[in-house]
Protein backbone atom coordinates (compact mmCIF):
# COMPACT_ATOMS: atom_id res chain seq x y z
CA MET A 1 0.30 0.04 0.00
CA THR A 2 2.83 2.55 0.78
CA ALA A 3 4.99 1.61 -2.96
CA PHE A 4 1.38 2.06 -4.08
CA ALA A 5 1.06 5.84 -2.22
CA ILE A 6 4.73 6.69 -3.52
CA VAL A 7 3.65 6.25 -6.62
CA VAL A 8 0.77 8.26 -6.80
CA ALA A 9 2.25 11.12 -5.34
CA VAL A 10 4.66 10.77 -7.82
CA VAL A 11 2.14 11.54 -10.19
CA LEU A 12 0.30 13.93 -8.35
CA LEU A 13 3.89 16.16 -7.76
CA ALA A 14 3.79 15.71 -12.02
CA LEU A 15 0.44 16.88 -12.21
CA ASN A 16 1.36 19.88 -9.80
CA ALA A 17 4.34 20.76 -11.68
CA LEU A 18 2.11 20.51 -15.07
CA PHE A 19 -1.57 22.60 -14.37
CA VAL A 20 1.75 25.57 -12.74
CA ALA A 21 3.74 25.43 -16.12
CA VAL A 22 0.69 25.81 -18.15
CA GLU A 23 -0.14 28.75 -16.16
CA PHE A 24 3.07 31.33 -16.63
CA ALA A 25 3.29 30.29 -19.66
CA LEU A 26 -0.47 31.23 -20.65
CA ILE A 27 0.75 34.62 -19.14
CA ALA A 28 4.08 34.95 -20.65
CA SER A 29 3.59 33.67 -24.38
CA ARG A 30 3.60 36.21 -26.74
CA ARG A 31 0.48 36.11 -29.18
CA GLN A 32 2.63 37.09 -32.30
CA ARG A 33 5.10 33.92 -32.00
CA LEU A 34 2.04 31.90 -31.71
CA GLU A 35 0.39 33.33 -34.51
CA GLU A 36 3.48 32.84 -36.63
CA LEU A 37 3.01 29.10 -35.34
CA ALA A 38 -0.68 29.11 -36.36
CA GLU A 39 -0.19 29.91 -40.04
CA GLY A 40 1.22 27.23 -41.28
CA SER A 41 0.27 23.18 -41.48
CA GLY A 42 0.62 19.55 -39.24
CA ARG A 43 0.46 18.72 -35.47
CA LYS A 44 2.74 21.97 -34.34
CA ALA A 45 0.27 24.48 -36.29
CA ARG A 46 -2.64 22.85 -33.97
CA ARG A 47 -1.33 23.04 -30.86
CA ALA A 48 -0.43 26.73 -31.69
CA ARG A 49 -4.07 27.35 -32.67
CA ARG A 50 -5.45 25.48 -29.45
CA SER A 51 -2.65 28.06 -27.49
CA LEU A 52 -4.18 30.92 -29.00
CA GLN A 53 -7.73 29.69 -28.09
CA ALA A 54 -6.91 29.64 -24.54
CA ILE A 55 -4.24 32.60 -24.48
CA SER A 56 -7.88 34.17 -25.67
CA ASP A 57 -10.13 32.22 -22.76
CA LEU A 58 -7.49 33.73 -20.56
CA ASN A 59 -9.84 34.33 -16.80
CA ARG A 60 -11.78 30.08 -17.80
CA GLN A 61 -7.72 29.31 -18.38
CA LEU A 62 -6.12 30.13 -15.70
CA ALA A 63 -9.44 29.23 -12.91
CA GLY A 64 -8.45 25.28 -14.67
CA ALA A 65 -4.69 25.44 -13.87
CA GLN A 66 -5.87 26.79 -10.03
CA LEU A 67 -8.29 23.89 -9.71
CA GLY A 68 -5.57 21.25 -10.92
CA ILE A 69 -2.96 22.68 -9.09
CA THR A 70 -5.19 22.64 -5.17
CA MET A 71 -6.25 19.12 -6.14
CA ALA A 72 -2.98 18.67 -7.27
CA SER A 73 -1.02 19.17 -4.35
CA LEU A 74 -4.41 18.23 -1.86
CA ALA A 75 -3.97 14.98 -2.58
CA LEU A 76 -0.38 15.10 -2.67
CA GLY A 77 -0.22 15.72 1.15
CA PHE A 78 -3.14 13.42 1.46
CA LEU A 79 -1.14 10.19 0.60
CA ALA A 80 2.70 11.64 0.40
CA GLU A 81 3.22 12.90 4.26
CA PRO A 82 1.82 9.09 5.51
CA ALA A 83 3.22 7.18 2.77
CA VAL A 84 6.26 8.92 3.29
CA ALA A 85 6.01 8.85 6.79
CA HIS A 86 5.50 5.33 7.19
CA LEU A 87 9.22 4.83 5.01
CA LEU A 88 10.85 6.78 7.88
CA GLU A 89 9.13 4.47 11.39
CA LEU A 90 10.64 1.28 9.79
CA ALA A 91 14.09 3.30 9.37
CA ILE A 92 13.42 4.50 12.02
CA ASP A 93 13.31 1.60 14.22
CA SER A 94 16.55 0.36 12.56
CA PHE A 95 18.32 2.14 15.11
CA GLY A 96 16.77 1.50 17.86
CA GLU A 97 12.75 1.14 19.80
CA LEU A 98 11.65 4.74 20.92
CA PRO A 99 8.35 5.30 21.96
CA SER A 100 5.82 4.87 19.45
CA GLY A 101 3.99 8.47 20.13
CA LEU A 102 8.04 10.17 19.74
CA LYS A 103 8.48 8.02 16.96
CA HIS A 104 5.16 9.34 14.83
CA THR A 105 6.44 11.92 15.41
CA ILE A 106 9.56 12.13 14.46
CA ALA A 107 8.75 10.63 11.06
CA SER A 108 5.76 12.85 10.53
CA ALA A 109 7.46 15.91 10.58
CA ILE A 110 10.27 14.85 8.51
CA ALA A 111 7.85 13.62 6.35
CA LEU A 112 6.15 16.88 5.97
CA ALA A 113 9.32 19.16 5.54
CA ILE A 114 10.24 16.50 2.33
CA VAL A 115 7.00 16.71 1.17
CA VAL A 116 6.39 20.58 0.74
CA PHE A 117 10.14 20.63 0.06
CA LEU A 118 9.46 18.09 -3.63
CA HIS A 119 5.80 19.89 -3.48
CA LEU A 120 8.00 23.86 -3.78
CA VAL A 121 10.74 23.10 -5.93
CA LEU A 122 9.55 19.94 -8.47
CA GLY A 123 6.48 21.22 -8.23
CA GLU A 124 6.34 25.01 -8.37
CA MET A 125 9.30 26.46 -8.44
CA VAL A 126 10.85 24.29 -11.62
CA PRO A 127 7.70 24.46 -14.03
CA LYS A 128 7.16 28.20 -13.44
CA ASN A 129 11.39 29.19 -14.31
CA LEU A 130 10.72 26.44 -17.24
CA ALA A 131 7.47 27.77 -18.90
CA ILE A 132 9.22 31.73 -18.23
CA ALA A 133 12.52 31.14 -19.64
CA GLU A 134 10.83 29.03 -22.45
CA PRO A 135 6.67 29.92 -22.79
CA GLU A 136 5.75 29.61 -26.15
CA SER A 137 7.56 25.72 -26.41
CA THR A 138 6.07 24.89 -22.91
CA LEU A 139 2.85 25.86 -23.84
CA LEU A 140 2.78 24.38 -27.58
CA ARG A 141 3.71 21.04 -25.57
CA LEU A 142 0.95 21.03 -23.13
CA ALA A 143 -2.01 21.96 -25.49
CA THR A 144 -2.94 19.46 -25.81
CA PHE A 145 -2.83 18.29 -22.45
CA ASN A 146 -4.66 21.56 -21.45
CA TRP A 147 -7.03 21.46 -24.11
CA TRP A 148 -8.73 17.63 -23.05
CA TYR A 149 -8.00 18.75 -19.55
CA VAL A 150 -10.24 22.07 -19.47
CA ARG A 151 -12.98 20.06 -21.57
CA ILE A 152 -13.64 17.45 -18.99
CA PHE A 153 -13.40 19.63 -15.94
CA ALA A 154 -16.08 22.16 -18.33
CA PRO A 155 -18.27 22.77 -15.87
CA LEU A 156 -16.59 23.12 -11.74
CA ILE A 157 -14.51 25.21 -13.34
CA TRP A 158 -17.20 27.61 -15.43
CA ALA A 159 -18.74 27.35 -12.12
CA LEU A 160 -15.52 28.36 -9.52
CA ASN A 161 -14.73 30.99 -12.48
CA HIS A 162 -18.31 32.86 -12.18
CA LEU A 163 -18.29 33.21 -8.60
CA ALA A 164 -14.30 34.35 -8.82
CA ASN A 165 -16.34 36.98 -11.50
CA VAL A 166 -18.67 38.09 -9.08
CA GLY A 167 -16.01 38.25 -6.64
CA VAL A 168 -13.54 40.52 -8.72
CA ARG A 169 -17.49 43.10 -9.60
CA MET A 170 -17.99 43.14 -6.41
CA CYS A 171 -14.46 45.29 -6.15
CA ARG A 172 -15.98 47.31 -9.35
CA VAL A 173 -13.88 45.77 -11.21
CA GLU A 174 -14.88 44.44 -15.02
CA PRO A 175 -12.88 41.09 -15.58
CA VAL A 176 -11.29 40.66 -18.80
CA ASP A 177 -10.76 37.15 -20.77
CA ALA A 178 -7.32 38.06 -21.79
CA LEU A 179 -4.61 40.48 -21.22
CA GLY A 180 -3.54 43.40 -22.69
CA THR A 181 -1.64 43.89 -25.25
CA ALA A 182 -1.50 48.06 -26.28
CA HIS A 183 1.49 49.75 -25.29
CA THR A 184 1.88 53.89 -25.08
CA ALA A 185 4.78 54.99 -27.31
CA GLN A 186 6.67 55.11 -23.87
CA GLU A 187 6.07 51.97 -23.62
CA PHE A 188 7.39 50.86 -26.84
CA VAL A 189 10.35 53.33 -26.01
CA THR A 190 11.31 51.55 -22.38
CA LEU A 191 10.95 48.05 -24.89
CA LEU A 192 13.94 48.90 -27.26
CA ASP A 193 16.14 50.10 -24.98
CA ARG A 194 15.86 47.09 -23.22
CA SER A 195 16.31 45.13 -26.46
CA ARG A 196 19.16 46.90 -27.29
CA GLY A 197 20.58 46.41 -23.77
CA GLU A 198 20.08 42.71 -24.77
CA GLY A 199 21.64 43.08 -27.68
CA LEU A 200 18.21 41.61 -29.86
CA ILE A 201 18.07 44.72 -32.04
CA ASP A 202 21.23 46.95 -33.10
CA GLU A 203 22.49 50.51 -32.79
CA LEU A 204 20.86 51.01 -36.06
CA GLY A 205 17.30 49.69 -35.74
CA HIS A 206 16.91 51.41 -31.89
CA THR A 207 17.44 54.43 -33.88
CA LEU A 208 14.93 53.58 -37.00
CA LEU A 209 12.01 52.12 -34.02
CA ALA A 210 12.89 54.62 -31.42
CA GLY A 211 12.19 57.59 -34.06
CA ALA A 212 9.35 56.66 -35.82
CA LEU A 213 7.54 56.05 -32.51
CA GLY A 214 8.08 59.74 -31.47
CA PHE A 215 7.74 60.92 -34.61
CA ARG A 216 4.09 61.58 -34.80
CA ALA A 217 4.21 63.68 -31.88
CA ARG A 218 7.53 65.47 -32.36
CA PRO A 219 7.02 69.58 -32.82
CA VAL A 220 8.73 70.81 -35.23
CA ARG A 221 10.29 73.27 -33.20
CA ASP A 222 12.51 70.29 -31.61
CA ALA A 223 14.21 69.90 -34.80
CA MET A 224 14.59 72.85 -36.49
CA VAL A 225 17.83 75.04 -37.27
CA PRO A 226 17.28 77.78 -34.80
CA ARG A 227 17.59 81.50 -35.79
CA ASP A 228 21.08 82.08 -34.64
CA GLN A 229 22.27 79.38 -37.02
CA VAL A 230 20.39 80.20 -40.22
CA VAL A 231 22.53 81.53 -42.76
CA VAL A 232 20.43 83.93 -45.03
CA ALA A 233 21.29 86.13 -48.22
CA PRO A 234 19.95 89.86 -48.25
CA ARG A 235 17.14 90.54 -51.28
CA THR A 236 20.04 93.09 -52.68
CA ALA A 237 22.42 89.74 -53.01
CA THR A 238 24.37 89.54 -56.63
CA VAL A 239 24.22 86.04 -58.17
CA ARG A 240 28.35 85.79 -57.40
CA ASP A 241 27.27 86.42 -53.38
CA ILE A 242 24.77 83.79 -53.14
CA GLU A 243 27.82 81.62 -55.21
CA ALA A 244 30.19 82.63 -52.77
CA LEU A 245 28.26 81.86 -49.93
CA ALA A 246 27.10 78.47 -50.43
CA ARG A 247 30.78 77.60 -50.72
CA THR A 248 31.31 78.99 -47.50
CA SER A 249 28.14 77.57 -45.37
CA GLY A 250 28.01 74.23 -47.40
CA HIS A 251 23.76 74.38 -48.20
CA SER A 252 22.71 74.21 -51.80
CA ARG A 253 19.46 76.30 -50.36
CA LEU A 254 20.00 79.84 -48.56
CA PRO A 255 16.75 81.46 -47.16
CA ILE A 256 16.27 85.23 -49.14
CA VAL A 257 15.53 87.65 -46.70
CA GLY A 258 14.35 91.53 -47.29
CA ALA A 259 15.48 94.40 -45.24
CA SER A 260 13.84 93.18 -42.38
CA GLY A 261 16.10 90.59 -41.46
CA ILE A 262 15.44 87.24 -40.89
CA ASP A 263 12.40 88.01 -39.94
CA GLN A 264 10.87 88.80 -43.53
CA VAL A 265 11.35 85.58 -45.11
CA LEU A 266 11.04 85.92 -49.21
CA GLY A 267 12.02 82.40 -50.62
CA PHE A 268 14.97 80.85 -50.97
CA VAL A 269 17.48 79.92 -53.69
CA HIS A 270 18.47 76.82 -54.74
CA VAL A 271 22.28 76.70 -55.71
CA LYS A 272 21.44 74.99 -59.29
CA ASP A 273 19.21 77.36 -60.30
CA LEU A 274 21.49 80.10 -60.39
CA LEU A 275 23.97 77.60 -63.03
CA ARG A 276 22.88 78.97 -66.19
CA THR A 277 22.80 82.25 -64.98
CA ASP A 278 23.48 84.73 -67.91
CA PRO A 279 27.08 86.10 -67.37
CA GLU A 280 26.42 89.92 -67.69
CA GLU A 281 23.53 88.81 -64.50
CA ILE A 282 26.38 87.25 -61.76
CA ASP A 283 26.23 90.80 -60.90
CA LEU A 284 23.44 91.38 -60.46
CA PRO A 285 20.52 90.21 -57.30
CA VAL A 286 19.07 87.40 -58.18
CA ALA A 287 15.97 87.49 -60.17
CA TRP A 288 12.53 87.07 -58.82
CA GLN A 289 11.99 84.18 -61.16
CA ARG A 290 14.68 83.09 -59.12
CA ILE A 291 13.92 83.23 -55.35
CA ARG A 292 11.44 79.78 -54.72
CA ARG A 293 8.84 80.34 -52.54
CA MET A 294 8.93 78.68 -49.40
CA LEU A 295 7.01 77.02 -46.66
CA VAL A 296 5.83 78.91 -43.67
CA VAL A 297 4.62 76.38 -40.45
CA PRO A 298 4.47 77.02 -36.42
CA GLY A 299 6.63 75.71 -34.07
CA ASP A 300 4.33 73.44 -32.75
CA VAL A 301 2.79 71.84 -35.84
CA THR A 302 4.28 67.94 -35.80
CA LEU A 303 6.97 66.70 -37.57
CA GLU A 304 4.89 63.74 -39.86
CA SER A 305 1.75 66.98 -40.47
CA LEU A 306 4.81 68.49 -41.60
CA LEU A 307 6.01 65.87 -44.21
CA LEU A 308 2.64 65.67 -45.29
CA THR A 309 3.07 68.71 -45.96
CA MET A 310 6.55 68.84 -47.99
CA GLN A 311 5.43 65.71 -49.80
CA ARG A 312 1.85 67.32 -51.20
CA ARG A 313 3.23 70.82 -51.84
CA ARG A 314 6.48 69.65 -53.31
CA SER A 315 8.93 71.45 -50.83
CA HIS A 316 12.20 70.69 -48.79
CA PHE A 317 12.40 74.19 -47.01
CA ALA A 318 10.48 76.19 -44.52
CA ALA A 319 10.83 78.62 -42.58
CA VAL A 320 9.33 78.41 -38.87
CA ARG A 321 7.38 81.46 -37.34
CA GLU A 322 5.63 81.66 -33.72
CA GLN A 323 4.28 85.17 -32.22
CA GLY A 324 4.90 87.39 -35.49
CA ALA A 325 8.88 86.22 -35.86
CA THR A 326 9.96 83.77 -37.69
CA VAL A 327 12.34 81.44 -34.99
CA GLY A 328 14.39 78.89 -37.41
CA ILE A 329 14.24 77.11 -40.25
CA ILE A 330 13.68 73.31 -41.23
CA THR A 331 14.17 71.19 -44.09
CA LEU A 332 13.58 67.50 -45.36
CA GLU A 333 16.01 66.33 -44.24
CA ASP A 334 16.09 67.82 -40.60
CA VAL A 335 12.95 65.70 -40.38
CA LEU A 336 14.51 62.72 -41.85
CA GLU A 337 16.92 62.43 -39.46
CA GLU A 338 14.41 62.80 -36.48
CA LEU A 339 13.63 59.34 -37.88
CA VAL A 340 16.86 57.63 -38.98
CA GLY A 341 19.63 59.82 -37.46
CA ASP A 342 22.05 61.83 -38.51
CA ILE A 343 22.22 62.05 -42.77
CA ILE A 344 25.57 63.27 -44.06
CA ASP A 345 24.90 64.22 -47.97
CA GLU A 346 27.37 66.16 -50.11
CA SER A 347 27.40 69.40 -48.59
CA ASP A 348 28.63 67.41 -45.70
CA ARG A 349 31.81 66.60 -47.59
CA GLU A 350 33.70 69.72 -46.04
CA ARG A 351 33.02 68.46 -42.55
CA VAL A 352 33.90 64.61 -43.12
CA LEU A 353 36.92 64.97 -45.18
CA THR A 354 38.12 67.31 -42.07
CA VAL A 355 37.66 64.78 -39.96
CA GLY A 356 39.45 62.53 -42.29
CA ARG A 357 41.76 64.63 -42.17
CA ARG A 358 42.34 64.49 -38.42
CA ARG A 359 43.05 61.33 -38.06
């Protein structure tokens, strides 16, 4: 009888471990990974689909796992402790005669400690750690077992889960059947930082994803070139003056301003528009037809909105104005750099060569 009880106790310990693994795998599994596996065919895809069904019905599934853990734990304590205590009493007898009551007390205490230790380590902690380390794999392996178990005990699980939901509603909280998977932009940034720290994504991937997350809400003033750093040309500047200014500044587009300076932006000149200037016009002010119209946007407009406007208007240059004054300028390159990081183009050649010489 003792041997049979020990065998049953081992089975109960294994069942307890299975239910614990199911519980933590349900919580820790990533739906996206399971959806990818479910798109295929075969046994693995079928298990993935069952796993997705379980995650979508999380309340009832967790109630089933808790029921299984409770039943296995109670049965384990009922059978294992007396069986182990009986074996220990036989072992104690080999060391000499002790009063029956004392012998039973010692054996029971040691048996209880052994059963609790095995239950805690093998029945709880080991399956929990395995499920957390490999949640999708664990859930796939146990999907069929859990599927049949939940259906066999469906009425009891439904009743327990219904009672639990009543208790939750009494606390003025509405129960949910699945874990929330939506995240805010800031939460995604935190996840990206952790993924980069763990080496799951490289620096470029982190820059692209983090930039895209903040792009929609970021205002233009965060990416613009402030007015004190803007290189401008007066309306009276000649073609020769603008060509010289373009060479020294490295900019291919230069704002043209009126008598009031940068607060009176008239438009901008693209250097390539001056390439076909007649020789007799080189020392004359730039003709009006060569001055392009410049977008004017407020500083609080979002980068996403500005990008759409630039695409629609086919303009790569904008003046940023606030309270009647020009506070800066912004180009398409500035907008894109908020997404992908610094962009080195032909206008950055001199700076790059200088750095190269310093090597």
